C-alpha atoms as a PDB file:
ATOM      1  CA  MET A   1      -4.134  26.812  29.754  1.00  0.00           C
ATOM      2  CA  LYS A   2      -3.018  25.369  26.412  1.00  0.00           C
ATOM      3  CA  SER A   3       0.364  24.230  27.770  1.00  0.00           C
ATOM      4  CA  HIS A   4      -1.335  22.496  30.701  1.00  0.00           C
ATOM      5  CA  LEU A   5      -3.630  20.666  28.312  1.00  0.00           C
ATOM      6  CA  MET A   6      -0.722  19.664  26.056  1.00  0.00           C
ATOM      7  CA  PHE A   7       1.194  18.344  29.070  1.00  0.00           C
ATOM      8  CA  ALA A   8      -1.817  16.263  30.140  1.00  0.00           C
ATOM      9  CA  VAL A   9      -2.173  14.873  26.618  1.00  0.00           C
ATOM     10  CA  ARG A  10       1.539  13.969  26.482  1.00  0.00           C
ATOM     11  CA  GLU A  11       1.264  12.175  29.813  1.00  0.00           C
ATOM     12  CA  GLU A  12      -1.763  10.226  28.608  1.00  0.00           C
ATOM     13  CA  VAL A  13       0.015   9.300  25.375  1.00  0.00           C
ATOM     14  CA  GLU A  14       2.971   7.963  27.360  1.00  0.00           C
ATOM     15  CA  VAL A  15       0.676   5.874  29.581  1.00  0.00           C
ATOM     16  CA  LEU A  16      -1.061   4.484  26.506  1.00  0.00           C
ATOM     17  CA  ARG A  17       2.278   3.660  24.840  1.00  0.00           C
ATOM     18  CA  GLU A  18       3.342   1.731  27.931  1.00  0.00           C
ATOM     19  CA  LYS A  19       0.033  -0.126  27.997  1.00  0.00           C
ATOM     20  CA  ILE A  20       0.353  -0.990  24.302  1.00  0.00           C
ATOM     21  CA  SER A  21       3.856  -2.317  24.922  1.00  0.00           C
ATOM     22  CA  GLU A  22       2.618  -4.475  27.820  1.00  0.00           C
ATOM     23  CA  LEU A  23      -0.243  -5.802  25.710  1.00  0.00           C
ATOM     24  CA  MET A  24       2.079  -6.615  22.802  1.00  0.00           C
ATOM     25  CA  ASP A  25       4.317  -8.572  25.185  1.00  0.00           C
ATOM     26  CA  ARG A  26       1.261 -10.413  26.507  1.00  0.00           C
ATOM     27  CA  ILE A  27       0.119 -11.231  22.972  1.00  0.00           C
ATOM     28  CA  SER A  28       3.534 -12.673  22.139  1.00  0.00           C
ATOM     29  CA  LEU A  29       3.497 -14.820  25.258  1.00  0.00           C
ATOM     30  CA  LEU A  30      -0.026 -16.076  24.576  1.00  0.00           C
ATOM     31  CA  GLU A  31       0.829 -16.853  20.945  1.00  0.00           C
ATOM     32  CA  MET A  32       3.812 -18.942  22.056  1.00  0.00           C
ATOM     33  CA  GLU A  33       1.684 -20.701  24.675  1.00  0.00           C
ATOM     34  CA  ASN A  34      -1.004 -21.347  22.081  1.00  0.00           C
ATOM     35  CA  ALA A  35       1.529 -22.861  19.666  1.00  0.00           C
ATOM     36  CA  VAL A  36       2.832 -25.208  22.362  1.00  0.00           C
ATOM     37  CA  LEU A  37      -0.660 -26.278  23.367  1.00  0.00           C
ATOM     38  CA  LYS A  38      -1.681 -26.859  19.755  1.00  0.00           C
ATOM     39  CA  SER A  39       1.415 -28.945  19.108  1.00  0.00           C
ATOM     40  CA  HIS A  40       0.505 -31.253  22.003  1.00  0.00           C
ATOM     41  CA  ALA A  41      -3.239 -31.475  21.353  1.00  0.00           C
ATOM     42  CA  THR A  42      -4.814 -34.433  19.601  1.00  0.00           C
ATOM     43  CA  PRO A  43      -6.493 -33.908  16.223  1.00  0.00           C
ATOM     44  CA  GLU A  44      -9.840 -34.704  17.872  1.00  0.00           C
ATOM     45  CA  THR A  45      -9.315 -31.969  20.452  1.00  0.00           C
ATOM     46  CA  LEU A  46      -8.389 -29.441  17.781  1.00  0.00           C
ATOM     47  CA  ALA A  47     -11.454 -30.388  15.730  1.00  0.00           C
ATOM     48  CA  SER A  48     -13.661 -30.016  18.799  1.00  0.00           C
ATOM     49  CA  LEU A  49     -12.214 -26.574  19.546  1.00  0.00           C
ATOM     50  CA  ALA A  50     -12.699 -25.482  15.940  1.00  0.00           C
ATOM     51  CA  ALA A  51     -16.340 -26.571  16.126  1.00  0.00           C
ATOM     52  CA  GLN A  52     -16.849 -24.619  19.362  1.00  0.00           C
ATOM     53  CA  VAL A  53     -15.282 -21.479  17.882  1.00  0.00           C
ATOM     54  CA  SER A  54     -17.482 -21.816  14.819  1.00  0.00           C
ATOM     55  CA  ALA A  55     -20.614 -22.255  16.943  1.00  0.00           C
ATOM     56  CA  ASN A  56     -19.708 -19.272  19.151  1.00  0.00           C
ATOM     57  CA  ALA A  57     -19.143 -17.073  16.114  1.00  0.00           C
ATOM     58  CA  LYS A  58     -22.696 -17.767  14.920  1.00  0.00           C
ATOM     59  CA  THR A  59     -24.422 -16.883  18.211  1.00  0.00           C
ATOM     60  CA  PRO A  60     -24.681 -13.279  19.461  1.00  0.00           C
ATOM     61  CA  ALA A  61     -22.982 -12.310  22.693  1.00  0.00           C
ATOM     62  CA  PRO A  62     -25.128 -12.276  25.847  1.00  0.00           C
ATOM     63  CA  GLY A  63     -26.619  -8.891  26.690  1.00  0.00           C
ATOM     64  CA  GLY A  64     -27.411  -7.977  23.109  1.00  0.00           C
ATOM     65  CA  GLY A  65     -24.408  -5.671  22.737  1.00  0.00           C
ATOM     66  CA  GLY A  66     -25.101  -2.158  21.571  1.00  0.00           C
ATOM     67  CA  GLY A  67     -23.039  -0.368  24.181  1.00  0.00           C
ATOM     68  CA  THR A  68     -19.612  -0.063  25.620  1.00  0.00           C
ATOM     69  CA  THR A  69     -18.525  -0.289  29.195  1.00  0.00           C
ATOM     70  CA  ASN A  70     -15.424   1.223  30.778  1.00  0.00           C
END
């Protein structure tokens, strides 16, 4: 029973490692894309985006939070 459980855990760890690797690659791609977009945006556009981010940070998320969904 213990060996079966350990095997299942090892499999799950491997799946999670692969997912982490995929997400890290995605983050790198999005960071590069973000840098390119920022370099081509006007100062007014960047200021507007900063204001939107600031406003969104001050308002709670819809639904009130308090739980997780999977």
